[in-house]
Amino acid sequence: MHLSVDFWIDRTGQVDEPLADAADIARILADAFERDPNMVDLADYPESLPGADVANLIQSISKPYPEALYFRDGGTVSEADYAKYTRNLNLDALPDSIAVKLGVILRRADMRTWPAQDVVFKTRETFDLDRFQENGLFPADVVAILHESTDGQWCFVQSYNYAAWVLKEKIVAGDREKILEYRDAENFLIVAGGKVTTNFNPKIAAISELHLDMGVRLPLLGADEIEHHVDGQNTHSSHAVLLPVRGDRGELQFRSALIARNQDVHVGYMPYTRRNILHQSFKFLGERYGWGHSYNARDCSGLVMEVYKTFGILLPRNSLQQRNSPIGRNLNFSAGDSDTAKLELLDRCDVGDLLYSPGHVMLYLGKVDDEPYVIHSLFGAGWTDDDGNFQEGVLNGVSVTPLRKIYVSPDATYFDQLTSVKQIR
């Protein structure tokens, strides 16, 4: 029963009461971009940057991992490997002043630590968490393009909440004003499902059955802006949106595409209600864990970001950055807090509040028989058997779990390690 969203909806009071309206959310975002150093409003991003600043930004991301890393064949990432990656950073080619270009993401793209597709892991036994994977970008995402790798295959980019390397083929640069106008279109469609696709298009492969993740925002075309047919299909039973494509000369173009009305999308942002928080989070239930948006999926903070995007709320990328962000109201636990004190604070929590422990974030669902429950994307997990013996296992997916019965280690549950609660109102 805990795996049914209706179970939690039925237990939630004021399920359709708005938690914040459009004006409230606009104020939340403005405050975040003003005060959170991890959030970047690309509309205000400089048109030029000192080369030294870009070099420092690159080197803050592209640096050797502090522990040993292994390739899938068991070989160790060596100093020679790091030297090869470093040469491809192309730092010597950085000019004193860099002209910043804006670009648009064409299809789902990995953001990487280095300009390389090498996949590496912390152990020779576990091949799930690629430590060179940083984040993911989605079609129509806007980025600032800051630098190009030595081999010309990668761009170092800044998104609204992260900077890292992206394959150049996944980006097309264009006119700054046109890109921002595209990003901020007044009429837009939000992808509400975990994954949806555009309709098949026999003429333009780049936008045919294109994978779109939750939270993707696309300009929505009115009936007076399109023909009755888009590449051979009548628009009557579909939404017509604009998608970025690369023209024959490599230039940015926007083309009409159709998304069937049977797809899980919403015109404009979804109302920010407890019902919608529950519905949105449960759309990921059972999805495999994807560290840094790998595996065409998402990790714990990625899940939270996508859910809140559907309401128009943008968050920092990592759980620690989210926890420390001035966004919303932060309720902090003290190291010496008793279980009773923690439970009393959880009694003040609402559905959809974010619970943080070191390196992890969870969405609060409520209590059942005084046991707090959460939904989260979780890799490793432990529990105790009927005899009190610790058992180590792997969930490796989006799961609903009791907070006090899932262990981080043999000595501590996620409840034990709670650091803070974030309420976004």
Protein backbone atom coordinates (compact mmCIF):
# COMPACT_ATOMS: atom_id res chain seq x y z
CA MET A 1 0.00 0.00 0.00
CA HIS A 2 2.91 2.34 0.61
CA LEU A 3 3.82 2.08 -3.08
CA SER A 4 0.49 3.60 -4.16
CA VAL A 5 0.34 7.37 -4.56
CA ASP A 6 -3.38 7.28 -3.74
CA PHE A 7 -2.56 5.84 -0.31
CA TRP A 8 -0.54 8.97 0.51
CA ILE A 9 -3.01 11.36 -1.10
CA ASP A 10 -5.83 9.93 1.02
CA ARG A 11 -3.74 10.53 4.17
CA THR A 12 -2.82 14.11 3.27
CA GLY A 13 -4.86 17.09 4.41
CA GLN A 14 -5.54 20.16 2.25
CA VAL A 15 -4.15 18.20 -0.65
CA ASP A 16 -5.20 20.75 -3.29
CA GLU A 17 -4.39 23.94 -1.38
CA PRO A 18 -1.68 25.93 -3.21
CA LEU A 19 1.58 26.03 -1.25
CA ALA A 20 2.74 29.06 -3.24
CA ASP A 21 1.31 31.00 -6.17
CA ALA A 22 3.12 32.27 -9.27
CA ALA A 23 4.12 35.52 -7.59
CA ASP A 24 5.51 33.65 -4.56
CA ILE A 25 7.53 31.34 -6.79
CA ALA A 26 8.89 34.29 -8.79
CA ARG A 27 10.11 35.84 -5.53
CA ILE A 28 11.68 32.53 -4.46
CA LEU A 29 13.57 32.31 -7.75
CA ALA A 30 14.69 35.93 -7.70
CA ASP A 31 16.03 35.47 -4.19
CA ALA A 32 17.80 32.24 -5.18
CA PHE A 33 19.58 33.81 -8.14
CA GLU A 34 20.57 36.80 -6.04
CA ARG A 35 21.86 35.00 -2.95
CA ASP A 36 22.80 31.44 -3.93
CA PRO A 37 26.33 31.25 -5.42
CA ASN A 38 25.45 27.94 -7.11
CA MET A 39 22.57 29.43 -9.09
CA VAL A 40 23.21 31.40 -12.29
CA ASP A 41 20.65 33.46 -14.20
CA LEU A 42 22.01 33.21 -17.73
CA ALA A 43 20.03 36.29 -18.76
CA ASP A 44 22.45 38.27 -16.56
CA TYR A 45 25.54 36.26 -17.43
CA PRO A 46 28.46 38.41 -18.65
CA GLU A 47 29.06 38.61 -22.39
CA SER A 48 32.79 38.28 -21.71
CA LEU A 49 34.89 36.75 -18.93
CA PRO A 50 38.58 36.91 -18.00
CA GLY A 51 40.37 33.82 -19.28
CA ALA A 52 41.88 33.29 -15.83
CA ASP A 53 38.41 33.07 -14.29
CA VAL A 54 37.32 30.44 -16.81
CA ALA A 55 40.53 28.48 -16.18
CA ASN A 56 39.85 28.51 -12.44
CA LEU A 57 36.27 27.35 -13.00
CA ILE A 58 37.41 24.50 -15.24
CA GLN A 59 40.07 23.41 -12.77
CA SER A 60 37.58 23.46 -9.90
CA ILE A 61 35.70 20.68 -11.75
CA SER A 62 38.41 18.94 -13.79
CA LYS A 63 40.83 17.66 -11.18
CA PRO A 64 42.07 14.19 -10.19
CA TYR A 65 39.76 12.23 -7.93
CA PRO A 66 41.11 12.05 -4.35
CA GLU A 67 40.84 8.24 -4.27
CA ALA A 68 41.82 5.46 -6.65
CA LEU A 69 39.44 4.92 -9.55
CA TYR A 70 39.04 1.88 -11.81
CA PHE A 71 37.97 1.28 -15.38
CA ARG A 72 35.41 -1.40 -16.14
CA ASP A 73 38.21 -3.85 -17.03
CA GLY A 74 39.70 -3.38 -13.55
CA GLY A 75 42.61 -1.19 -14.60
CA THR A 76 43.46 1.82 -12.44
CA VAL A 77 43.13 5.41 -13.63
CA SER A 78 46.79 6.40 -13.77
CA GLU A 79 48.78 9.62 -13.72
CA ALA A 80 49.23 9.17 -17.46
CA ASP A 81 45.44 9.03 -17.88
CA TYR A 82 45.01 12.23 -15.89
CA ALA A 83 47.78 13.87 -17.93
CA LYS A 84 45.89 12.95 -21.12
CA TYR A 85 42.64 14.38 -19.73
CA THR A 86 44.45 17.54 -18.62
CA ARG A 87 45.95 18.11 -22.09
CA ASN A 88 42.46 17.97 -23.55
CA LEU A 89 41.36 20.82 -21.26
CA ASN A 90 43.13 23.15 -23.70
CA LEU A 91 43.92 25.65 -20.96
CA ASP A 92 46.90 27.10 -22.82
CA ALA A 93 44.53 28.29 -25.57
CA LEU A 94 42.43 30.41 -23.22
CA PRO A 95 42.73 34.09 -24.23
CA ASP A 96 42.91 36.94 -21.75
CA SER A 97 39.25 37.70 -22.42
CA ILE A 98 36.63 35.16 -23.52
CA ALA A 99 33.55 36.07 -25.54
CA VAL A 100 30.70 34.11 -23.95
CA LYS A 101 28.18 32.54 -26.31
CA LEU A 102 24.81 31.12 -25.37
CA GLY A 103 23.74 27.75 -26.70
CA VAL A 104 20.79 25.39 -26.54
CA ILE A 105 20.92 21.66 -25.79
CA LEU A 106 19.59 19.53 -28.65
CA ARG A 107 19.14 16.21 -26.86
CA ARG A 108 19.86 14.70 -23.46
CA ALA A 109 23.51 15.31 -22.67
CA ASP A 110 25.91 14.22 -19.94
CA MET A 111 27.92 16.83 -18.08
CA ARG A 112 31.35 15.32 -17.46
CA THR A 113 34.25 16.00 -15.09
CA TRP A 114 36.70 15.80 -17.97
CA PRO A 115 36.31 16.18 -21.75
CA ALA A 116 36.27 12.38 -22.07
CA GLN A 117 33.72 9.57 -22.16
CA ASP A 118 35.81 7.19 -20.02
CA VAL A 119 33.65 5.53 -17.37
CA VAL A 120 35.32 4.94 -14.00
CA PHE A 121 34.35 3.54 -10.59
CA LYS A 122 35.53 3.54 -6.98
CA THR A 123 35.79 -0.25 -6.76
CA ARG A 124 36.51 -3.13 -9.10
CA GLU A 125 33.30 -4.84 -7.99
CA THR A 126 30.62 -2.15 -8.30
CA PHE A 127 30.00 -0.78 -11.78
CA ASP A 128 27.19 1.67 -11.17
CA LEU A 129 28.47 5.06 -10.03
CA ASP A 130 30.57 6.65 -12.77
CA ARG A 131 32.77 9.13 -10.91
CA PHE A 132 33.38 11.23 -14.03
CA GLN A 133 29.64 11.85 -14.40
CA GLU A 134 28.53 15.22 -12.99
CA ASN A 135 25.04 16.07 -14.21
CA GLY A 136 22.62 15.88 -17.11
CA LEU A 137 21.13 18.45 -19.48
CA PHE A 138 17.90 18.15 -21.43
CA PRO A 139 16.60 19.39 -24.80
CA ALA A 140 15.90 23.16 -24.77
CA ASP A 141 18.17 23.77 -21.77
CA VAL A 142 20.16 26.97 -22.22
CA VAL A 143 23.88 27.10 -21.39
CA ALA A 144 26.74 29.58 -21.59
CA ILE A 145 29.55 28.18 -23.74
CA LEU A 146 32.90 29.11 -22.20
CA HIS A 147 35.62 26.97 -23.79
CA GLU A 148 36.41 24.15 -26.22
CA SER A 149 38.61 21.09 -25.68
CA THR A 150 41.87 20.48 -27.52
CA ASP A 151 40.29 17.77 -29.69
CA GLY A 152 37.36 20.05 -30.56
CA GLN A 153 34.81 17.47 -29.41
CA TRP A 154 33.76 19.04 -26.10
CA CYS A 155 32.53 22.36 -24.75
CA PHE A 156 32.84 23.56 -21.18
CA VAL A 157 29.47 25.09 -20.31
CA GLN A 158 27.66 26.81 -17.46
CA SER A 159 24.01 25.92 -16.92
CA TYR A 160 21.69 27.59 -14.42
CA ASN A 161 23.08 25.40 -11.65
CA TYR A 162 26.24 23.60 -12.80
CA ALA A 163 29.39 23.82 -14.93
CA ALA A 164 31.12 20.91 -16.66
CA TRP A 165 32.03 19.40 -20.04
CA VAL A 166 29.42 18.46 -22.66
CA LEU A 167 29.85 16.89 -26.09
CA LYS A 168 29.87 19.68 -28.66
CA GLU A 169 27.47 17.76 -30.91
CA LYS A 170 24.76 18.05 -28.25
CA ILE A 171 24.82 21.90 -28.30
CA VAL A 172 24.11 24.56 -30.90
CA ALA A 173 25.17 28.17 -30.31
CA GLY A 174 23.02 31.09 -31.39
CA ASP A 175 22.00 34.68 -30.96
CA ARG A 176 21.78 35.57 -27.27
CA GLU A 177 18.55 37.57 -27.56
CA LYS A 178 16.76 34.89 -29.59
CA ILE A 179 17.84 32.13 -27.20
CA LEU A 180 16.59 34.02 -24.14
CA GLU A 181 13.33 34.82 -25.93
CA TYR A 182 12.96 31.10 -26.66
CA ARG A 183 13.73 30.17 -23.05
CA ASP A 184 11.28 32.69 -21.60
CA ALA A 185 8.36 32.20 -24.02
CA GLU A 186 5.12 33.32 -22.36
CA ASN A 187 3.15 30.33 -23.62
CA PHE A 188 4.86 27.04 -22.87
CA LEU A 189 4.40 23.35 -22.24
CA ILE A 190 5.93 21.53 -19.27
CA VAL A 191 6.82 17.86 -19.44
CA ALA A 192 4.99 16.40 -16.46
CA GLY A 193 5.78 12.72 -16.97
CA GLY A 194 9.01 11.07 -16.01
CA LYS A 195 9.71 10.58 -19.71
CA VAL A 196 7.69 11.55 -22.78
CA THR A 197 8.55 11.65 -26.48
CA THR A 198 7.70 13.82 -29.43
CA ASN A 199 5.73 12.27 -32.27
CA PHE A 200 7.52 10.39 -35.03
CA ASN A 201 8.68 12.77 -37.74
CA PRO A 202 9.67 11.25 -41.12
CA LYS A 203 11.36 14.46 -42.31
CA ILE A 204 13.50 15.66 -39.38
CA ALA A 205 15.19 12.82 -37.50
CA ALA A 206 16.61 15.19 -34.85
CA ILE A 207 13.15 15.91 -33.40
CA SER A 208 11.49 12.58 -34.16
CA GLU A 209 10.55 10.58 -31.04
CA LEU A 210 12.84 12.83 -29.03
CA HIS A 211 13.21 11.83 -25.39
CA LEU A 212 12.06 14.56 -22.97
CA ASP A 213 12.45 14.37 -19.19
CA MET A 214 10.24 15.77 -16.46
CA GLY A 215 10.53 19.53 -16.12
CA VAL A 216 11.53 20.28 -19.73
CA ARG A 217 9.93 23.57 -20.77
CA LEU A 218 9.09 24.16 -24.45
CA PRO A 219 7.47 27.15 -26.19
CA LEU A 220 3.89 26.27 -27.09
CA LEU A 221 2.59 27.43 -30.46
CA GLY A 222 -0.94 28.77 -30.84
CA ALA A 223 -3.26 27.82 -33.68
CA ASP A 224 -2.46 31.09 -35.46
CA GLU A 225 1.30 30.36 -35.37
CA ILE A 226 1.35 27.04 -37.24
CA GLU A 227 -0.08 25.40 -40.31
CA HIS A 228 -2.76 22.75 -39.93
CA HIS A 229 -0.09 20.13 -40.62
CA VAL A 230 3.41 19.72 -39.17
CA ASP A 231 5.54 17.56 -41.45
CA GLY A 232 2.52 15.62 -42.63
CA GLN A 233 0.54 15.25 -39.37
CA ASN A 234 -2.53 17.29 -38.47
CA THR A 235 -2.06 19.29 -35.27
CA HIS A 236 -5.61 18.84 -33.97
CA SER A 237 -4.85 16.10 -31.43
CA SER A 238 -1.31 17.15 -30.48
CA HIS A 239 0.49 20.06 -28.85
CA ALA A 240 2.73 22.00 -31.23
CA VAL A 241 6.02 23.10 -29.64
CA LEU A 242 9.31 24.60 -30.77
CA LEU A 243 12.49 22.53 -30.55
CA PRO A 244 16.08 23.58 -31.30
CA VAL A 245 17.83 21.99 -34.29
CA ARG A 246 21.16 22.48 -36.05
CA GLY A 247 20.81 23.91 -39.54
CA ASP A 248 22.77 22.82 -42.61
CA ARG A 249 25.41 25.46 -41.89
CA GLY A 250 25.60 24.60 -38.19
CA GLU A 251 23.36 27.49 -37.16
CA LEU A 252 20.63 27.39 -34.52
CA GLN A 253 17.11 26.96 -35.86
CA PHE A 254 13.79 26.31 -34.15
CA ARG A 255 11.39 23.81 -35.72
CA SER A 256 7.80 22.90 -34.93
CA ALA A 257 7.30 19.47 -33.41
CA LEU A 258 4.24 17.64 -32.10
CA ILE A 259 3.66 16.02 -28.74
CA ALA A 260 0.53 13.86 -28.65
CA ARG A 261 -2.12 14.91 -26.17
CA ASN A 262 -1.99 11.41 -24.67
CA GLN A 263 1.50 12.24 -23.38
CA ASP A 264 1.92 13.41 -19.79
CA VAL A 265 2.39 17.16 -20.29
CA HIS A 266 0.90 20.32 -18.81
CA VAL A 267 0.21 23.72 -20.34
CA GLY A 268 2.17 26.12 -18.12
CA TYR A 269 3.57 25.19 -14.74
CA MET A 270 1.62 22.74 -12.61
CA PRO A 271 -0.08 24.12 -9.48
CA TYR A 272 2.24 23.76 -6.51
CA THR A 273 0.07 21.55 -4.31
CA ARG A 274 0.61 18.54 -2.06
CA ARG A 275 -1.34 16.34 -4.50
CA ASN A 276 0.92 17.32 -7.38
CA ILE A 277 4.12 16.86 -5.35
CA LEU A 278 3.00 13.31 -4.59
CA HIS A 279 1.92 12.56 -8.15
CA GLN A 280 5.13 13.94 -9.63
CA SER A 281 7.48 12.09 -7.28
CA PHE A 282 5.67 8.76 -7.69
CA LYS A 283 6.06 8.96 -11.48
CA PHE A 284 9.69 7.98 -10.89
CA LEU A 285 8.89 5.06 -8.58
CA GLY A 286 10.99 2.04 -9.56
CA GLU A 287 13.31 3.93 -11.90
CA ARG A 288 16.91 2.70 -11.66
CA TYR A 289 19.27 4.96 -9.72
CA GLY A 290 21.30 7.15 -12.04
CA TRP A 291 24.31 8.86 -10.44
CA GLY A 292 24.61 12.36 -11.92
CA HIS A 293 21.72 11.66 -14.33
CA SER A 294 23.48 8.64 -15.81
CA TYR A 295 21.60 5.59 -17.13
CA ASN A 296 19.00 7.88 -18.68
CA ALA A 297 17.74 8.38 -15.13
CA ARG A 298 18.58 10.52 -12.09
CA ASP A 299 19.98 10.40 -8.56
CA CYS A 300 18.45 11.68 -5.30
CA SER A 301 18.97 15.40 -5.93
CA GLY A 302 18.11 14.99 -9.60
CA LEU A 303 14.73 13.51 -8.67
CA VAL A 304 14.02 16.47 -6.39
CA MET A 305 15.09 18.97 -9.07
CA GLU A 306 12.83 17.46 -11.72
CA VAL A 307 9.78 17.31 -9.45
CA TYR A 308 10.15 20.94 -8.40
CA LYS A 309 10.85 22.13 -11.96
CA THR A 310 7.28 21.25 -12.91
CA PHE A 311 6.12 23.98 -10.50
CA GLY A 312 8.63 26.51 -11.84
CA ILE A 313 11.00 26.13 -8.87
CA LEU A 314 14.70 25.71 -9.72
CA LEU A 315 17.15 24.20 -7.24
CA PRO A 316 20.93 23.76 -7.01
CA ARG A 317 22.34 20.52 -8.41
CA ASN A 318 23.80 18.61 -5.46
CA SER A 319 22.19 17.68 -2.16
CA LEU A 320 24.74 19.66 -0.12
CA GLN A 321 24.22 22.74 -2.31
CA GLN A 322 20.46 22.35 -1.98
CA ARG A 323 20.66 21.96 1.78
CA ASN A 324 22.79 25.09 2.17
CA SER A 325 20.78 27.17 -0.29
CA PRO A 326 18.81 30.17 0.99
CA ILE A 327 15.85 28.89 -1.03
CA GLY A 328 12.90 28.24 1.25
CA ARG A 329 13.00 27.81 5.01
CA ASN A 330 15.66 25.62 6.60
CA LEU A 331 15.02 23.72 9.83
CA ASN A 332 18.27 22.31 11.16
CA PHE A 333 18.90 19.37 13.45
CA SER A 334 21.63 19.58 16.07
CA ALA A 335 24.19 16.84 16.56
CA GLY A 336 22.93 16.17 20.06
CA ASP A 337 19.21 16.07 19.23
CA SER A 338 17.40 13.10 20.68
CA ASP A 339 15.15 10.86 18.58
CA THR A 340 12.20 12.48 20.32
CA ALA A 341 13.35 15.96 19.34
CA LYS A 342 13.84 14.85 15.73
CA LEU A 343 10.39 13.29 15.60
CA GLU A 344 8.87 16.44 17.03
CA LEU A 345 10.51 18.47 14.25
CA LEU A 346 9.24 15.97 11.65
CA ASP A 347 5.75 16.52 13.07
CA ARG A 348 6.08 20.09 11.76
CA CYS A 349 6.97 18.84 8.28
CA ASP A 350 4.62 18.82 5.35
CA VAL A 351 4.26 16.52 2.38
CA GLY A 352 6.99 17.32 -0.14
CA ASP A 353 9.41 18.90 2.32
CA LEU A 354 13.00 17.95 1.63
CA LEU A 355 14.94 15.95 4.23
CA TYR A 356 18.74 16.03 4.08
CA SER A 357 21.41 13.73 5.40
CA PRO A 358 25.09 13.80 4.37
CA GLY A 359 25.16 13.34 0.59
CA HIS A 360 21.46 12.55 0.30
CA VAL A 361 18.02 14.16 -0.05
CA MET A 362 14.55 12.66 0.40
CA LEU A 363 10.96 13.83 -0.18
CA TYR A 364 8.84 13.55 2.96
CA LEU A 365 5.55 11.64 2.56
CA GLY A 366 4.14 11.62 6.08
CA LYS A 367 3.78 9.16 8.95
CA VAL A 368 2.15 5.75 9.22
CA ASP A 369 1.75 4.42 12.76
CA ASP A 370 4.22 7.09 13.94
CA GLU A 371 6.83 5.93 11.41
CA PRO A 372 8.01 8.69 9.00
CA TYR A 373 8.20 7.65 5.35
CA VAL A 374 10.08 9.14 2.40
CA ILE A 375 10.40 8.64 -1.34
CA HIS A 376 13.94 8.93 -2.72
CA SER A 377 16.36 7.66 -5.33
CA LEU A 378 18.71 5.46 -3.35
CA PHE A 379 21.64 3.24 -4.28
CA GLY A 380 22.88 1.30 -1.25
CA ALA A 381 20.73 0.41 1.75
CA GLY A 382 20.86 -1.75 4.84
CA TRP A 383 18.42 -3.09 7.41
CA THR A 384 18.32 -5.34 10.46
CA ASP A 385 16.72 -8.77 10.45
CA ASP A 386 14.43 -10.18 13.13
CA ASP A 387 17.45 -11.09 15.23
CA GLY A 388 18.86 -7.56 15.07
CA ASN A 389 21.68 -8.46 12.65
CA PHE A 390 22.64 -5.87 10.07
CA GLN A 391 22.00 -6.88 6.46
CA GLU A 392 23.60 -4.94 3.61
CA GLY A 393 21.77 -4.63 0.32
CA VAL A 394 21.15 -2.49 -2.73
CA LEU A 395 17.91 -0.76 -3.65
CA ASN A 396 19.41 1.00 -6.68
CA GLY A 397 16.22 2.83 -7.59
CA VAL A 398 13.47 5.20 -6.59
CA SER A 399 11.83 3.68 -3.53
CA VAL A 400 9.43 4.39 -0.68
CA THR A 401 11.06 3.53 2.63
CA PRO A 402 10.57 4.06 6.36
CA LEU A 403 13.04 6.65 7.54
CA ARG A 404 14.05 4.89 10.77
CA LYS A 405 14.54 1.39 9.36
CA ILE A 406 16.83 1.96 6.39
CA TYR A 407 20.52 2.06 7.33
CA VAL A 408 23.34 4.11 5.86
CA SER A 409 25.86 1.92 7.69
CA PRO A 410 25.69 -0.80 10.34
CA ASP A 411 25.66 1.92 12.99
CA ALA A 412 23.29 4.56 11.60
CA THR A 413 19.95 4.96 9.84
CA TYR A 414 19.03 7.81 7.55
CA PHE A 415 16.95 9.11 10.44
CA ASP A 416 20.03 9.12 12.69
CA GLN A 417 21.96 11.20 10.15
CA LEU A 418 19.31 13.80 9.39
CA THR A 419 20.85 17.25 9.20
CA SER A 420 18.02 19.53 8.06
CA VAL A 421 14.60 20.00 6.55
CA LYS A 422 13.87 22.44 3.73
CA GLN A 423 10.37 23.85 3.31
CA ILE A 424 9.80 25.73 0.05
CA ARG A 425 6.91 28.16 0.45
